């Protein structure tokens, strides 16, 4: 499954991860609207690569339902679900 994320993930962990039902979308929370509007600031990773780089998201990746967004406030793996 593809993960669409900003290049800020090279320096910062994910804060919000959304499962759309077909892919994942991740932001660090530091992206401005202007930053996100520029396609050059986006990357696509495989879900496995994303989980290897950020292992604390693994539980959400296993249990997520379409439309759910996980809010991560730390790298403990604990998250809060924000249903769309």
PDB file of N, CA and C in Angstrom:
ATOM      1  N   UNK A   1       0.851  -1.169   0.000  1.00  0.00           N
ATOM      2  CA  UNK A   1       0.000   0.000   0.000  1.00  0.00           C
ATOM      3  C   UNK A   1       0.900   1.237   0.000  1.00  0.00           C
ATOM      4  N   UNK A   2       0.573   2.242  -0.804  1.00  0.00           N
ATOM      5  CA  UNK A   2       1.399   3.449  -0.833  1.00  0.00           C
ATOM      6  C   UNK A   2       1.112   4.377   0.353  1.00  0.00           C
ATOM      7  N   UNK A   3       2.144   5.090   0.749  1.00  0.00           N
ATOM      8  CA  UNK A   3       2.030   6.123   1.779  1.00  0.00           C
ATOM      9  C   UNK A   3       2.453   7.434   1.135  1.00  0.00           C
ATOM     10  N   UNK A   4       1.569   8.393   1.117  1.00  0.00           N
ATOM     11  CA  UNK A   4       1.870   9.719   0.585  1.00  0.00           C
ATOM     12  C   UNK A   4       2.248  10.599   1.774  1.00  0.00           C
ATOM     13  N   UNK A   5       3.451  11.174   1.719  1.00  0.00           N
ATOM     14  CA  UNK A   5       3.935  11.945   2.843  1.00  0.00           C
ATOM     15  C   UNK A   5       4.773  13.125   2.374  1.00  0.00           C
ATOM     16  N   UNK A   6       4.967  14.067   3.273  1.00  0.00           N
ATOM     17  CA  UNK A   6       5.781  15.230   2.943  1.00  0.00           C
ATOM     18  C   UNK A   6       7.250  14.912   3.200  1.00  0.00           C
ATOM     19  N   UNK A   7       8.106  15.642   2.537  1.00  0.00           N
ATOM     20  CA  UNK A   7       9.547  15.444   2.704  1.00  0.00           C
ATOM     21  C   UNK A   7      10.029  15.878   4.082  1.00  0.00           C
ATOM     22  N   UNK A   8       9.189  16.538   4.864  1.00  0.00           N
ATOM     23  CA  UNK A   8       9.562  16.881   6.234  1.00  0.00           C
ATOM     24  C   UNK A   8       9.738  15.642   7.108  1.00  0.00           C
ATOM     25  N   UNK A   9       9.247  14.501   6.651  1.00  0.00           N
ATOM     26  CA  UNK A   9       9.417  13.258   7.389  1.00  0.00           C
ATOM     27  C   UNK A   9      10.892  12.827   7.448  1.00  0.00           C
ATOM     28  N   UNK A  10      11.727  13.412   6.633  1.00  0.00           N
ATOM     29  CA  UNK A  10      13.169  13.122   6.703  1.00  0.00           C
ATOM     30  C   UNK A  10      13.754  13.631   8.014  1.00  0.00           C
ATOM     31  N   UNK A  11      13.110  14.646   8.601  1.00  0.00           N
ATOM     32  CA  UNK A  11      13.615  15.256   9.833  1.00  0.00           C
ATOM     33  C   UNK A  11      12.656  15.153  11.010  1.00  0.00           C
ATOM     34  N   UNK A  12      11.376  14.872  10.733  1.00  0.00           N
ATOM     35  CA  UNK A  12      10.362  14.884  11.788  1.00  0.00           C
ATOM     36  C   UNK A  12       9.452  13.666  11.664  1.00  0.00           C
ATOM     37  N   UNK A  13       8.991  13.137  12.792  1.00  0.00           N
ATOM     38  CA  UNK A  13       8.099  11.971  12.748  1.00  0.00           C
ATOM     39  C   UNK A  13       6.685  12.355  12.337  1.00  0.00           C
ATOM     40  N   UNK A  14       5.901  11.376  11.922  1.00  0.00           N
ATOM     41  CA  UNK A  14       4.502  11.647  11.591  1.00  0.00           C
ATOM     42  C   UNK A  14       3.715  12.072  12.831  1.00  0.00           C
ATOM     43  N   UNK A  15       2.809  12.977  12.618  1.00  0.00           N
ATOM     44  CA  UNK A  15       1.892  13.381  13.689  1.00  0.00           C
ATOM     45  C   UNK A  15       0.484  12.907  13.369  1.00  0.00           C
ATOM     46  N   UNK A  16       0.044  13.079  12.131  1.00  0.00           N
ATOM     47  CA  UNK A  16      -1.264  12.582  11.692  1.00  0.00           C
ATOM     48  C   UNK A  16      -1.066  11.611  10.547  1.00  0.00           C
ATOM     49  N   UNK A  17      -1.645  10.423  10.680  1.00  0.00           N
ATOM     50  CA  UNK A  17      -1.609   9.406   9.632  1.00  0.00           C
ATOM     51  C   UNK A  17      -3.055   9.017   9.344  1.00  0.00           C
ATOM     52  N   UNK A  18      -3.437   9.129   8.080  1.00  0.00           N
ATOM     53  CA  UNK A  18      -4.807   8.840   7.665  1.00  0.00           C
ATOM     54  C   UNK A  18      -4.820   7.628   6.746  1.00  0.00           C
ATOM     55  N   UNK A  19      -5.752   6.705   7.009  1.00  0.00           N
ATOM     56  CA  UNK A  19      -5.978   5.565   6.124  1.00  0.00           C
ATOM     57  C   UNK A  19      -7.224   5.864   5.310  1.00  0.00           C
ATOM     58  N   UNK A  20      -7.078   6.004   4.005  1.00  0.00           N
ATOM     59  CA  UNK A  20      -8.212   6.355   3.139  1.00  0.00           C
ATOM     60  C   UNK A  20      -9.009   5.141   2.704  1.00  0.00           C
ATOM     61  N   UNK A  21      -8.463   3.968   2.919  1.00  0.00           N
ATOM     62  CA  UNK A  21      -9.077   2.742   2.421  1.00  0.00           C
ATOM     63  C   UNK A  21      -8.274   2.174   1.269  1.00  0.00           C
ATOM     64  N   UNK A  22      -7.504   3.039   0.596  1.00  0.00           N
ATOM     65  CA  UNK A  22      -6.655   2.608  -0.518  1.00  0.00           C
ATOM     66  C   UNK A  22      -5.196   2.966  -0.314  1.00  0.00           C
ATOM     67  N   UNK A  23      -4.945   3.972   0.529  1.00  0.00           N
ATOM     68  CA  UNK A  23      -3.576   4.406   0.778  1.00  0.00           C
ATOM     69  C   UNK A  23      -3.507   5.065   2.143  1.00  0.00           C
ATOM     70  N   UNK A  24      -2.297   5.452   2.513  1.00  0.00           N
ATOM     71  CA  UNK A  24      -2.071   6.194   3.746  1.00  0.00           C
ATOM     72  C   UNK A  24      -1.550   7.567   3.383  1.00  0.00           C
ATOM     73  N   UNK A  25      -1.903   8.548   4.205  1.00  0.00           N
ATOM     74  CA  UNK A  25      -1.393   9.902   4.038  1.00  0.00           C
ATOM     75  C   UNK A  25      -0.853  10.340   5.383  1.00  0.00           C
ATOM     76  N   UNK A  26       0.348  10.919   5.374  1.00  0.00           N
ATOM     77  CA  UNK A  26       0.992  11.285   6.629  1.00  0.00           C
ATOM     78  C   UNK A  26       1.562  12.691   6.552  1.00  0.00           C
ATOM     79  N   UNK A  27       1.361  13.438   7.632  1.00  0.00           N
ATOM     80  CA  UNK A  27       1.954  14.765   7.772  1.00  0.00           C
ATOM     81  C   UNK A  27       2.603  14.883   9.141  1.00  0.00           C
ATOM     82  N   UNK A  28       3.578  15.774   9.235  1.00  0.00           N
ATOM     83  CA  UNK A  28       4.281  15.988  10.496  1.00  0.00           C
ATOM     84  C   UNK A  28       3.602  17.028  11.365  1.00  0.00           C
ATOM     85  N   UNK A  29       2.730  17.829  10.764  1.00  0.00           N
ATOM     86  CA  UNK A  29       2.099  18.924  11.481  1.00  0.00           C
ATOM     87  C   UNK A  29       2.859  20.227  11.328  1.00  0.00           C
ATOM     88  N   UNK A  30       4.008  20.167  10.682  1.00  0.00           N
ATOM     89  CA  UNK A  30       4.827  21.363  10.470  1.00  0.00           C
ATOM     90  C   UNK A  30       4.674  21.928   9.062  1.00  0.00           C
ATOM     91  N   UNK A  31       3.917  21.248   8.217  1.00  0.00           N
ATOM     92  CA  UNK A  31       3.726  21.671   6.834  1.00  0.00           C
ATOM     93  C   UNK A  31       2.743  22.841   6.772  1.00  0.00           C
ATOM     94  N   UNK A  32       3.119  23.869   6.051  1.00  0.00           N
ATOM     95  CA  UNK A  32       2.198  24.979   5.803  1.00  0.00           C
ATOM     96  C   UNK A  32       1.332  24.626   4.597  1.00  0.00           C
ATOM     97  N   UNK A  33       0.279  25.374   4.385  1.00  0.00           N
ATOM     98  CA  UNK A  33      -0.579  25.149   3.227  1.00  0.00           C
ATOM     99  C   UNK A  33       0.221  25.350   1.932  1.00  0.00           C
ATOM    100  N   UNK A  34       1.065  26.370   1.915  1.00  0.00           N
ATOM    101  CA  UNK A  34       1.889  26.639   0.732  1.00  0.00           C
ATOM    102  C   UNK A  34       2.860  25.484   0.470  1.00  0.00           C
ATOM    103  N   UNK A  35       3.443  24.951   1.532  1.00  0.00           N
ATOM    104  CA  UNK A  35       4.361  23.816   1.414  1.00  0.00           C
ATOM    105  C   UNK A  35       3.633  22.627   0.788  1.00  0.00           C
ATOM    106  N   UNK A  36       2.447  22.335   1.276  1.00  0.00           N
ATOM    107  CA  UNK A  36       1.692  21.186   0.786  1.00  0.00           C
ATOM    108  C   UNK A  36       1.196  21.385  -0.643  1.00  0.00           C
ATOM    109  N   UNK A  37       1.028  22.609  -1.069  1.00  0.00           N
ATOM    110  CA  UNK A  37       0.575  22.888  -2.430  1.00  0.00           C
ATOM    111  C   UNK A  37       1.644  22.596  -3.476  1.00  0.00           C
ATOM    112  N   UNK A  38       2.899  22.476  -3.074  1.00  0.00           N
ATOM    113  CA  UNK A  38       4.004  22.234  -3.998  1.00  0.00           C
ATOM    114  C   UNK A  38       4.276  20.724  -4.073  1.00  0.00           C
ATOM    115  N   UNK A  39       3.984  20.127  -5.212  1.00  0.00           N
ATOM    116  CA  UNK A  39       4.164  18.671  -5.388  1.00  0.00           C
ATOM    117  C   UNK A  39       5.599  18.224  -5.165  1.00  0.00           C
ATOM    118  N   UNK A  40       6.550  19.115  -5.306  1.00  0.00           N
ATOM    119  CA  UNK A  40       7.961  18.762  -5.090  1.00  0.00           C
ATOM    120  C   UNK A  40       8.253  18.424  -3.632  1.00  0.00           C
ATOM    121  N   UNK A  41       7.340  18.754  -2.726  1.00  0.00           N
ATOM    122  CA  UNK A  41       7.531  18.487  -1.302  1.00  0.00           C
ATOM    123  C   UNK A  41       6.907  17.163  -0.850  1.00  0.00           C
ATOM    124  N   UNK A  42       6.459  16.357  -1.807  1.00  0.00           N
ATOM    125  CA  UNK A  42       5.785  15.101  -1.475  1.00  0.00           C
ATOM    126  C   UNK A  42       6.588  13.902  -1.959  1.00  0.00           C
ATOM    127  N   UNK A  43       6.445  12.795  -1.250  1.00  0.00           N
ATOM    128  CA  UNK A  43       7.066  11.524  -1.632  1.00  0.00           C
ATOM    129  C   UNK A  43       6.029  10.414  -1.492  1.00  0.00           C
ATOM    130  N   UNK A  44       6.313   9.282  -2.110  1.00  0.00           N
ATOM    131  CA  UNK A  44       5.489   8.086  -1.962  1.00  0.00           C
ATOM    132  C   UNK A  44       6.401   6.964  -1.494  1.00  0.00           C
ATOM    133  N   UNK A  45       6.043   6.352  -0.377  1.00  0.00           N
ATOM    134  CA  UNK A  45       6.783   5.217   0.176  1.00  0.00           C
ATOM    135  C   UNK A  45       5.854   4.016   0.232  1.00  0.00           C
ATOM    136  N   UNK A  46       6.430   2.850   0.315  1.00  0.00           N
ATOM    137  CA  UNK A  46       5.658   1.635   0.600  1.00  0.00           C
ATOM    138  C   UNK A  46       5.326   1.637   2.093  1.00  0.00           C
ATOM    139  N   UNK A  47       4.191   1.059   2.453  1.00  0.00           N
ATOM    140  CA  UNK A  47       3.790   1.006   3.862  1.00  0.00           C
ATOM    141  C   UNK A  47       4.842   0.304   4.713  1.00  0.00           C
ATOM    142  N   UNK A  48       5.493  -0.717   4.172  1.00  0.00           N
ATOM    143  CA  UNK A  48       6.541  -1.423   4.917  1.00  0.00           C
ATOM    144  C   UNK A  48       7.717  -0.527   5.229  1.00  0.00           C
ATOM    145  N   UNK A  49       8.118   0.286   4.271  1.00  0.00           N
ATOM    146  CA  UNK A  49       9.218   1.226   4.476  1.00  0.00           C
ATOM    147  C   UNK A  49       8.832   2.255   5.538  1.00  0.00           C
ATOM    148  N   UNK A  50       7.600   2.741   5.468  1.00  0.00           N
ATOM    149  CA  UNK A  50       7.094   3.710   6.430  1.00  0.00           C
ATOM    150  C   UNK A  50       7.124   3.126   7.844  1.00  0.00           C
ATOM    151  N   UNK A  51       6.661   1.879   7.989  1.00  0.00           N
ATOM    152  CA  UNK A  51       6.638   1.213   9.303  1.00  0.00           C
ATOM    153  C   UNK A  51       8.050   0.917   9.815  1.00  0.00           C
ATOM    154  N   UNK A  52       8.974   0.623   8.919  1.00  0.00           N
ATOM    155  CA  UNK A  52      10.364   0.405   9.345  1.00  0.00           C
ATOM    156  C   UNK A  52      10.980   1.695   9.865  1.00  0.00           C
ATOM    157  N   UNK A  53      10.724   2.783   9.179  1.00  0.00           N
ATOM    158  CA  UNK A  53      11.292   4.085   9.567  1.00  0.00           C
ATOM    159  C   UNK A  53      10.635   4.630  10.826  1.00  0.00           C
ATOM    160  N   UNK A  54       9.336   4.398  10.976  1.00  0.00           N
ATOM    161  CA  UNK A  54       8.568   4.887  12.126  1.00  0.00           C
ATOM    162  C   UNK A  54       7.808   3.723  12.757  1.00  0.00           C
ATOM    163  N   UNK A  55       8.487   2.848  13.495  1.00  0.00           N
ATOM    164  CA  UNK A  55       7.836   1.630  14.019  1.00  0.00           C
ATOM    165  C   UNK A  55       6.661   1.894  14.951  1.00  0.00           C
ATOM    166  N   UNK A  56       6.593   3.070  15.535  1.00  0.00           N
ATOM    167  CA  UNK A  56       5.489   3.356  16.456  1.00  0.00           C
ATOM    168  C   UNK A  56       4.141   3.470  15.749  1.00  0.00           C
ATOM    169  N   UNK A  57       4.116   3.550  14.420  1.00  0.00           N
ATOM    170  CA  UNK A  57       2.840   3.619  13.695  1.00  0.00           C
ATOM    171  C   UNK A  57       2.279   2.230  13.373  1.00  0.00           C
ATOM    172  N   UNK A  58       3.041   1.176  13.649  1.00  0.00           N
ATOM    173  CA  UNK A  58       2.686  -0.183  13.232  1.00  0.00           C
ATOM    174  C   UNK A  58       1.308  -0.623  13.728  1.00  0.00           C
ATOM    175  N   UNK A  59       0.971  -0.346  14.972  1.00  0.00           N
ATOM    176  CA  UNK A  59      -0.329  -0.780  15.499  1.00  0.00           C
ATOM    177  C   UNK A  59      -1.471  -0.122  14.737  1.00  0.00           C
ATOM    178  N   UNK A  60      -1.353   1.168  14.449  1.00  0.00           N
ATOM    179  CA  UNK A  60      -2.386   1.842  13.662  1.00  0.00           C
ATOM    180  C   UNK A  60      -2.483   1.224  12.271  1.00  0.00           C
ATOM    181  N   UNK A  61      -1.359   0.934  11.647  1.00  0.00           N
ATOM    182  CA  UNK A  61      -1.379   0.347  10.306  1.00  0.00           C
ATOM    183  C   UNK A  61      -2.095  -0.998  10.310  1.00  0.00           C
ATOM    184  N   UNK A  62      -1.977  -1.757  11.390  1.00  0.00           N
ATOM    185  CA  UNK A  62      -2.637  -3.069  11.489  1.00  0.00           C
ATOM    186  C   UNK A  62      -4.130  -2.954  11.744  1.00  0.00           C
ATOM    187  N   UNK A  63      -4.567  -1.909  12.436  1.00  0.00           N
ATOM    188  CA  UNK A  63      -5.951  -1.856  12.899  1.00  0.00           C
ATOM    189  C   UNK A  63      -6.801  -0.774  12.242  1.00  0.00           C
ATOM    190  N   UNK A  64      -6.216   0.054  11.417  1.00  0.00           N
ATOM    191  CA  UNK A  64      -6.930   1.200  10.841  1.00  0.00           C
ATOM    192  C   UNK A  64      -8.087   0.768   9.950  1.00  0.00           C
ATOM    193  N   UNK A  65      -9.166   1.542  10.033  1.00  0.00           N
ATOM    194  CA  UNK A  65     -10.306   1.384   9.136  1.00  0.00           C
ATOM    195  C   UNK A  65     -10.349   2.594   8.222  1.00  0.00           C
ATOM    196  N   UNK A  66     -10.919   2.421   7.065  1.00  0.00           N
ATOM    197  CA  UNK A  66     -11.014   3.522   6.099  1.00  0.00           C
ATOM    198  C   UNK A  66     -11.645   4.755   6.739  1.00  0.00           C
ATOM    199  N   UNK A  67     -11.018   5.902   6.522  1.00  0.00           N
ATOM    200  CA  UNK A  67     -11.519   7.154   7.053  1.00  0.00           C
ATOM    201  C   UNK A  67     -10.951   7.549   8.396  1.00  0.00           C
ATOM    202  N   UNK A  68     -10.165   6.665   9.004  1.00  0.00           N
ATOM    203  CA  UNK A  68      -9.600   6.983  10.303  1.00  0.00           C
ATOM    204  C   UNK A  68      -8.270   7.724  10.161  1.00  0.00           C
ATOM    205  N   UNK A  69      -8.076   8.650  11.081  1.00  0.00           N
ATOM    206  CA  UNK A  69      -6.809   9.370  11.204  1.00  0.00           C
ATOM    207  C   UNK A  69      -6.295   9.155  12.616  1.00  0.00           C
ATOM    208  N   UNK A  70      -5.021   8.788  12.723  1.00  0.00           N
ATOM    209  CA  UNK A  70      -4.385   8.625  14.027  1.00  0.00           C
ATOM    210  C   UNK A  70      -3.564   9.868  14.325  1.00  0.00           C
ATOM    211  N   UNK A  71      -3.707  10.387  15.531  1.00  0.00           N
ATOM    212  CA  UNK A  71      -2.905  11.497  16.017  1.00  0.00           C
ATOM    213  C   UNK A  71      -1.863  10.923  16.966  1.00  0.00           C
ATOM    214  N   UNK A  72      -0.596  11.068  16.589  1.00  0.00           N
ATOM    215  CA  UNK A  72       0.524  10.621  17.412  1.00  0.00           C
ATOM    216  C   UNK A  72       1.134  11.848  18.086  1.00  0.00           C
ATOM    217  N   UNK A  73       1.241  11.814  19.413  1.00  0.00           N
ATOM    218  CA  UNK A  73       1.846  12.936  20.122  1.00  0.00           C
ATOM    219  C   UNK A  73       3.255  12.624  20.599  1.00  0.00           C
ATOM    220  N   UNK A  74       3.651  11.366  20.462  1.00  0.00           N
ATOM    221  CA  UNK A  74       4.987  10.936  20.843  1.00  0.00           C
ATOM    222  C   UNK A  74       5.302   9.635  20.126  1.00  0.00           C
ATOM    223  N   UNK A  75       6.516   9.159  20.274  1.00  0.00           N
ATOM    224  CA  UNK A  75       6.941   7.945  19.574  1.00  0.00           C
ATOM    225  C   UNK A  75       6.687   6.676  20.382  1.00  0.00           C
ATOM    226  N   UNK A  76       5.754   6.721  21.340  1.00  0.00           N
ATOM    227  CA  UNK A  76       5.469   5.557  22.173  1.00  0.00           C
ATOM    228  C   UNK A  76       4.607   4.530  21.455  1.00  0.00           C
ATOM    229  N   UNK A  77       3.931   4.951  20.389  1.00  0.00           N
ATOM    230  CA  UNK A  77       2.987   4.077  19.711  1.00  0.00           C
ATOM    231  C   UNK A  77       1.558   4.364  20.111  1.00  0.00           C
ATOM    232  N   UNK A  78       1.364   5.152  21.162  1.00  0.00           N
ATOM    233  CA  UNK A  78       0.010   5.525  21.556  1.00  0.00           C
ATOM    234  C   UNK A  78      -0.513   6.578  20.597  1.00  0.00           C
ATOM    235  N   UNK A  79      -1.796   6.439  20.262  1.00  0.00           N
ATOM    236  CA  UNK A  79      -2.408   7.379  19.351  1.00  0.00           C
ATOM    237  C   UNK A  79      -3.876   7.564  19.688  1.00  0.00           C
ATOM    238  N   UNK A  80      -4.437   8.640  19.185  1.00  0.00           N
ATOM    239  CA  UNK A  80      -5.856   8.943  19.325  1.00  0.00           C
ATOM    240  C   UNK A  80      -6.461   8.871  17.937  1.00  0.00           C
ATOM    241  N   UNK A  81      -7.604   8.221  17.815  1.00  0.00           N
ATOM    242  CA  UNK A  81      -8.300   8.110  16.521  1.00  0.00           C
ATOM    243  C   UNK A  81      -9.211   9.317  16.337  1.00  0.00           C
ATOM    244  N   UNK A  82      -9.120   9.885  15.151  1.00  0.00           N
ATOM    245  CA  UNK A  82     -10.015  10.966  14.740  1.00  0.00           C
ATOM    246  C   UNK A  82     -10.765  10.469  13.520  1.00  0.00           C
ATOM    247  N   UNK A  83     -12.013  10.005  13.690  1.00  0.00           N
ATOM    248  CA  UNK A  83     -12.802   9.489  12.573  1.00  0.00           C
ATOM    249  C   UNK A  83     -13.269  10.641  11.697  1.00  0.00           C
ATOM    250  N   UNK A  84     -13.231  10.403  10.370  1.00  0.00           N
ATOM    251  CA  UNK A  84     -13.733  11.402   9.420  1.00  0.00           C
ATOM    252  C   UNK A  84     -15.225  11.296   9.308  1.00  0.00           C
TER     253      UNK A  84
END
